Amino acid sequence: MSKYRCTVCGYVYDPKDGDPAGNVEPGTAFDDLTEEWQCPKCHAPKEMFVKF
C-alpha cells in the first residue's frame, strides 16, 4: 500500500500504521478513509494529500 503526504504540514499517512488518534485501524488504505478524515497534525482535508 502506498503512503500519502500532507502538502500542508508534511505528515505521512502510512496504511500499515493507520491513524490511532483518528480511530483508523492499521492496514486501512488511504482510499478507504472517509471523506471527512483530516490530517491528524494540521487538520487539512484529505484532498491535500499526495501519493508518494
PDB file of N, CA and C in Angstrom:
ATOM      1  N   MET A   1       0.842  -1.192   0.000  1.00  0.00           N
ATOM      2  CA  MET A   1       0.000   0.000   0.000  1.00  0.00           C
ATOM      3  C   MET A   1       0.880   1.246   0.000  1.00  0.00           C
ATOM      4  N   SER A   2       0.431   2.257  -0.707  1.00  0.00           N
ATOM      5  CA  SER A   2       1.194   3.498  -0.845  1.00  0.00           C
ATOM      6  C   SER A   2       1.024   4.398   0.368  1.00  0.00           C
ATOM      7  N   LYS A   3       2.020   5.234   0.576  1.00  0.00           N
ATOM      8  CA  LYS A   3       1.968   6.247   1.625  1.00  0.00           C
ATOM      9  C   LYS A   3       1.517   7.556   0.991  1.00  0.00           C
ATOM     10  N   TYR A   4       0.944   8.429   1.816  1.00  0.00           N
ATOM     11  CA  TYR A   4       0.468   9.728   1.352  1.00  0.00           C
ATOM     12  C   TYR A   4       0.988  10.810   2.283  1.00  0.00           C
ATOM     13  N   ARG A   5       1.424  11.945   1.685  1.00  0.00           N
ATOM     14  CA  ARG A   5       1.984  13.046   2.458  1.00  0.00           C
ATOM     15  C   ARG A   5       1.049  14.253   2.398  1.00  0.00           C
ATOM     16  N   CYS A   6       0.846  14.888   3.557  1.00  0.00           N
ATOM     17  CA  CYS A   6       0.065  16.119   3.637  1.00  0.00           C
ATOM     18  C   CYS A   6       0.903  17.245   3.037  1.00  0.00           C
ATOM     19  N   THR A   7       0.344  17.945   2.058  1.00  0.00           N
ATOM     20  CA  THR A   7       1.081  19.024   1.404  1.00  0.00           C
ATOM     21  C   THR A   7       1.114  20.288   2.256  1.00  0.00           C
ATOM     22  N   VAL A   8       0.373  20.311   3.342  1.00  0.00           N
ATOM     23  CA  VAL A   8       0.353  21.474   4.225  1.00  0.00           C
ATOM     24  C   VAL A   8       1.441  21.362   5.288  1.00  0.00           C
ATOM     25  N   CYS A   9       1.507  20.214   5.976  1.00  0.00           N
ATOM     26  CA  CYS A   9       2.433  20.096   7.113  1.00  0.00           C
ATOM     27  C   CYS A   9       3.482  18.995   6.971  1.00  0.00           C
ATOM     28  N   GLY A  10       3.322  18.118   5.975  1.00  0.00           N
ATOM     29  CA  GLY A  10       4.296  17.058   5.765  1.00  0.00           C
ATOM     30  C   GLY A  10       4.004  15.753   6.490  1.00  0.00           C
ATOM     31  N   TYR A  11       2.900  15.678   7.228  1.00  0.00           N
ATOM     32  CA  TYR A  11       2.514  14.434   7.902  1.00  0.00           C
ATOM     33  C   TYR A  11       2.388  13.321   6.861  1.00  0.00           C
ATOM     34  N   VAL A  12       2.856  12.136   7.212  1.00  0.00           N
ATOM     35  CA  VAL A  12       2.768  10.994   6.300  1.00  0.00           C
ATOM     36  C   VAL A  12       1.760   9.990   6.845  1.00  0.00           C
ATOM     37  N   TYR A  13       0.754   9.687   6.012  1.00  0.00           N
ATOM     38  CA  TYR A  13      -0.193   8.625   6.363  1.00  0.00           C
ATOM     39  C   TYR A  13       0.358   7.331   5.806  1.00  0.00           C
ATOM     40  N   ASP A  14       0.674   6.408   6.695  1.00  0.00           N
ATOM     41  CA  ASP A  14       1.186   5.095   6.304  1.00  0.00           C
ATOM     42  C   ASP A  14       0.099   4.077   6.640  1.00  0.00           C
ATOM     43  N   PRO A  15      -0.480   3.424   5.619  1.00  0.00           N
ATOM     44  CA  PRO A  15      -1.562   2.475   5.861  1.00  0.00           C
ATOM     45  C   PRO A  15      -1.213   1.378   6.861  1.00  0.00           C
ATOM     46  N   LYS A  16       0.051   0.985   6.933  1.00  0.00           N
ATOM     47  CA  LYS A  16       0.392  -0.089   7.872  1.00  0.00           C
ATOM     48  C   LYS A  16       0.241   0.367   9.324  1.00  0.00           C
ATOM     49  N   ASP A  17       0.311   1.685   9.564  1.00  0.00           N
ATOM     50  CA  ASP A  17       0.149   2.227  10.911  1.00  0.00           C
ATOM     51  C   ASP A  17      -1.272   2.714  11.185  1.00  0.00           C
ATOM     52  N   GLY A  18      -2.004   3.084  10.134  1.00  0.00           N
ATOM     53  CA  GLY A  18      -3.328   3.665  10.326  1.00  0.00           C
ATOM     54  C   GLY A  18      -3.213   5.039  10.965  1.00  0.00           C
ATOM     55  N   ASP A  19      -4.241   5.447  11.681  1.00  0.00           N
ATOM     56  CA  ASP A  19      -4.260   6.728  12.398  1.00  0.00           C
ATOM     57  C   ASP A  19      -4.909   6.480  13.753  1.00  0.00           C
ATOM     58  N   PRO A  20      -4.111   6.048  14.740  1.00  0.00           N
ATOM     59  CA  PRO A  20      -4.667   5.732  16.052  1.00  0.00           C
ATOM     60  C   PRO A  20      -5.456   6.887  16.676  1.00  0.00           C
ATOM     61  N   ALA A  21      -4.983   8.118  16.479  1.00  0.00           N
ATOM     62  CA  ALA A  21      -5.675   9.278  17.052  1.00  0.00           C
ATOM     63  C   ALA A  21      -7.051   9.478  16.415  1.00  0.00           C
ATOM     64  N   GLY A  22      -7.190   9.061  15.152  1.00  0.00           N
ATOM     65  CA  GLY A  22      -8.455   9.199  14.439  1.00  0.00           C
ATOM     66  C   GLY A  22      -9.264   7.920  14.396  1.00  0.00           C
ATOM     67  N   ASN A  23      -8.869   6.939  15.223  1.00  0.00           N
ATOM     68  CA  ASN A  23      -9.553   5.646  15.279  1.00  0.00           C
ATOM     69  C   ASN A  23      -9.556   4.907  13.941  1.00  0.00           C
ATOM     70  N   VAL A  24      -8.453   5.051  13.194  1.00  0.00           N
ATOM     71  CA  VAL A  24      -8.307   4.340  11.922  1.00  0.00           C
ATOM     72  C   VAL A  24      -7.371   3.158  12.176  1.00  0.00           C
ATOM     73  N   GLU A  25      -7.874   1.977  11.941  1.00  0.00           N
ATOM     74  CA  GLU A  25      -7.133   0.747  12.206  1.00  0.00           C
ATOM     75  C   GLU A  25      -5.916   0.594  11.298  1.00  0.00           C
ATOM     76  N   PRO A  26      -4.835   0.003  11.803  1.00  0.00           N
ATOM     77  CA  PRO A  26      -3.698  -0.328  10.942  1.00  0.00           C
ATOM     78  C   PRO A  26      -4.178  -1.216   9.790  1.00  0.00           C
ATOM     79  N   GLY A  27      -3.606  -0.998   8.604  1.00  0.00           N
ATOM     80  CA  GLY A  27      -3.998  -1.764   7.429  1.00  0.00           C
ATOM     81  C   GLY A  27      -5.071  -1.089   6.600  1.00  0.00           C
ATOM     82  N   THR A  28      -5.529   0.099   7.019  1.00  0.00           N
ATOM     83  CA  THR A  28      -6.565   0.817   6.280  1.00  0.00           C
ATOM     84  C   THR A  28      -5.929   1.619   5.144  1.00  0.00           C
ATOM     85  N   ALA A  29      -6.305   1.301   3.916  1.00  0.00           N
ATOM     86  CA  ALA A  29      -5.784   2.022   2.750  1.00  0.00           C
ATOM     87  C   ALA A  29      -6.272   3.465   2.761  1.00  0.00           C
ATOM     88  N   PHE A  30      -5.463   4.355   2.199  1.00  0.00           N
ATOM     89  CA  PHE A  30      -5.831   5.775   2.142  1.00  0.00           C
ATOM     90  C   PHE A  30      -7.171   5.961   1.448  1.00  0.00           C
ATOM     91  N   ASP A  31      -7.389   5.232   0.358  1.00  0.00           N
ATOM     92  CA  ASP A  31      -8.646   5.351  -0.391  1.00  0.00           C
ATOM     93  C   ASP A  31      -9.862   4.916   0.418  1.00  0.00           C
ATOM     94  N   ASP A  32      -9.638   4.130   1.462  1.00  0.00           N
ATOM     95  CA  ASP A  32     -10.744   3.667   2.303  1.00  0.00           C
ATOM     96  C   ASP A  32     -11.056   4.616   3.460  1.00  0.00           C
ATOM     97  N   LEU A  33     -10.246   5.666   3.630  1.00  0.00           N
ATOM     98  CA  LEU A  33     -10.546   6.658   4.665  1.00  0.00           C
ATOM     99  C   LEU A  33     -11.800   7.424   4.263  1.00  0.00           C
ATOM    100  N   THR A  34     -12.584   7.845   5.228  1.00  0.00           N
ATOM    101  CA  THR A  34     -13.790   8.605   4.911  1.00  0.00           C
ATOM    102  C   THR A  34     -13.413   9.957   4.323  1.00  0.00           C
ATOM    103  N   GLU A  35     -14.324  10.567   3.590  1.00  0.00           N
ATOM    104  CA  GLU A  35     -14.080  11.897   3.019  1.00  0.00           C
ATOM    105  C   GLU A  35     -13.939  12.947   4.116  1.00  0.00           C
ATOM    106  N   GLU A  36     -14.462  12.668   5.299  1.00  0.00           N
ATOM    107  CA  GLU A  36     -14.387  13.607   6.418  1.00  0.00           C
ATOM    108  C   GLU A  36     -13.058  13.513   7.159  1.00  0.00           C
ATOM    109  N   TRP A  37     -12.272  12.461   6.880  1.00  0.00           N
ATOM    110  CA  TRP A  37     -10.995  12.286   7.567  1.00  0.00           C
ATOM    111  C   TRP A  37     -10.105  13.491   7.300  1.00  0.00           C
ATOM    112  N   GLN A  38      -9.367  13.925   8.326  1.00  0.00           N
ATOM    113  CA  GLN A  38      -8.463  15.066   8.213  1.00  0.00           C
ATOM    114  C   GLN A  38      -7.089  14.688   8.719  1.00  0.00           C
ATOM    115  N   CYS A  39      -6.108  15.451   8.315  1.00  0.00           N
ATOM    116  CA  CYS A  39      -4.748  15.254   8.804  1.00  0.00           C
ATOM    117  C   CYS A  39      -4.762  15.381  10.328  1.00  0.00           C
ATOM    118  N   PRO A  40      -4.224  14.388  11.025  1.00  0.00           N
ATOM    119  CA  PRO A  40      -4.240  14.442  12.482  1.00  0.00           C
ATOM    120  C   PRO A  40      -3.316  15.517  13.056  1.00  0.00           C
ATOM    121  N   LYS A  41      -2.421  16.026  12.229  1.00  0.00           N
ATOM    122  CA  LYS A  41      -1.460  17.022  12.705  1.00  0.00           C
ATOM    123  C   LYS A  41      -1.951  18.458  12.489  1.00  0.00           C
ATOM    124  N   CYS A  42      -2.449  18.755  11.267  1.00  0.00           N
ATOM    125  CA  CYS A  42      -2.835  20.140  10.958  1.00  0.00           C
ATOM    126  C   CYS A  42      -4.305  20.291  10.562  1.00  0.00           C
ATOM    127  N   HIS A  43      -5.034  19.186  10.506  1.00  0.00           N
ATOM    128  CA  HIS A  43      -6.469  19.163  10.184  1.00  0.00           C
ATOM    129  C   HIS A  43      -6.790  19.552   8.739  1.00  0.00           C
ATOM    130  N   ALA A  44      -5.795  19.417   7.852  1.00  0.00           N
ATOM    131  CA  ALA A  44      -6.052  19.652   6.430  1.00  0.00           C
ATOM    132  C   ALA A  44      -6.971  18.542   5.915  1.00  0.00           C
ATOM    133  N   PRO A  45      -7.804  18.850   4.926  1.00  0.00           N
ATOM    134  CA  PRO A  45      -8.693  17.821   4.366  1.00  0.00           C
ATOM    135  C   PRO A  45      -7.913  16.768   3.580  1.00  0.00           C
ATOM    136  N   LYS A  46      -8.544  15.645   3.380  1.00  0.00           N
ATOM    137  CA  LYS A  46      -7.951  14.508   2.662  1.00  0.00           C
ATOM    138  C   LYS A  46      -7.435  14.904   1.277  1.00  0.00           C
ATOM    139  N   GLU A  47      -8.083  15.875   0.631  1.00  0.00           N
ATOM    140  CA  GLU A  47      -7.684  16.305  -0.713  1.00  0.00           C
ATOM    141  C   GLU A  47      -6.291  16.931  -0.743  1.00  0.00           C
ATOM    142  N   MET A  48      -5.771  17.309   0.412  1.00  0.00           N
ATOM    143  CA  MET A  48      -4.463  17.966   0.475  1.00  0.00           C
ATOM    144  C   MET A  48      -3.310  16.959   0.553  1.00  0.00           C
ATOM    145  N   PHE A  49      -3.603  15.679   0.423  1.00  0.00           N
ATOM    146  CA  PHE A  49      -2.575  14.640   0.486  1.00  0.00           C
ATOM    147  C   PHE A  49      -2.185  14.187  -0.914  1.00  0.00           C
ATOM    148  N   VAL A  50      -0.891  13.871  -1.074  1.00  0.00           N
ATOM    149  CA  VAL A  50      -0.391  13.357  -2.342  1.00  0.00           C
ATOM    150  C   VAL A  50       0.286  12.007  -2.102  1.00  0.00           C
ATOM    151  N   LYS A  51       0.135  11.140  -3.073  1.00  0.00           N
ATOM    152  CA  LYS A  51       0.745   9.804  -3.011  1.00  0.00           C
ATOM    153  C   LYS A  51       2.242   9.936  -3.302  1.00  0.00           C
ATOM    154  N   PHE A  52       3.042   9.153  -2.573  1.00  0.00           N
ATOM    155  CA  PHE A  52       4.484   9.140  -2.882  1.00  0.00           C
ATOM    156  C   PHE A  52       5.064   7.770  -2.684  1.00  0.00           C
TER     157      PHE A  52
END
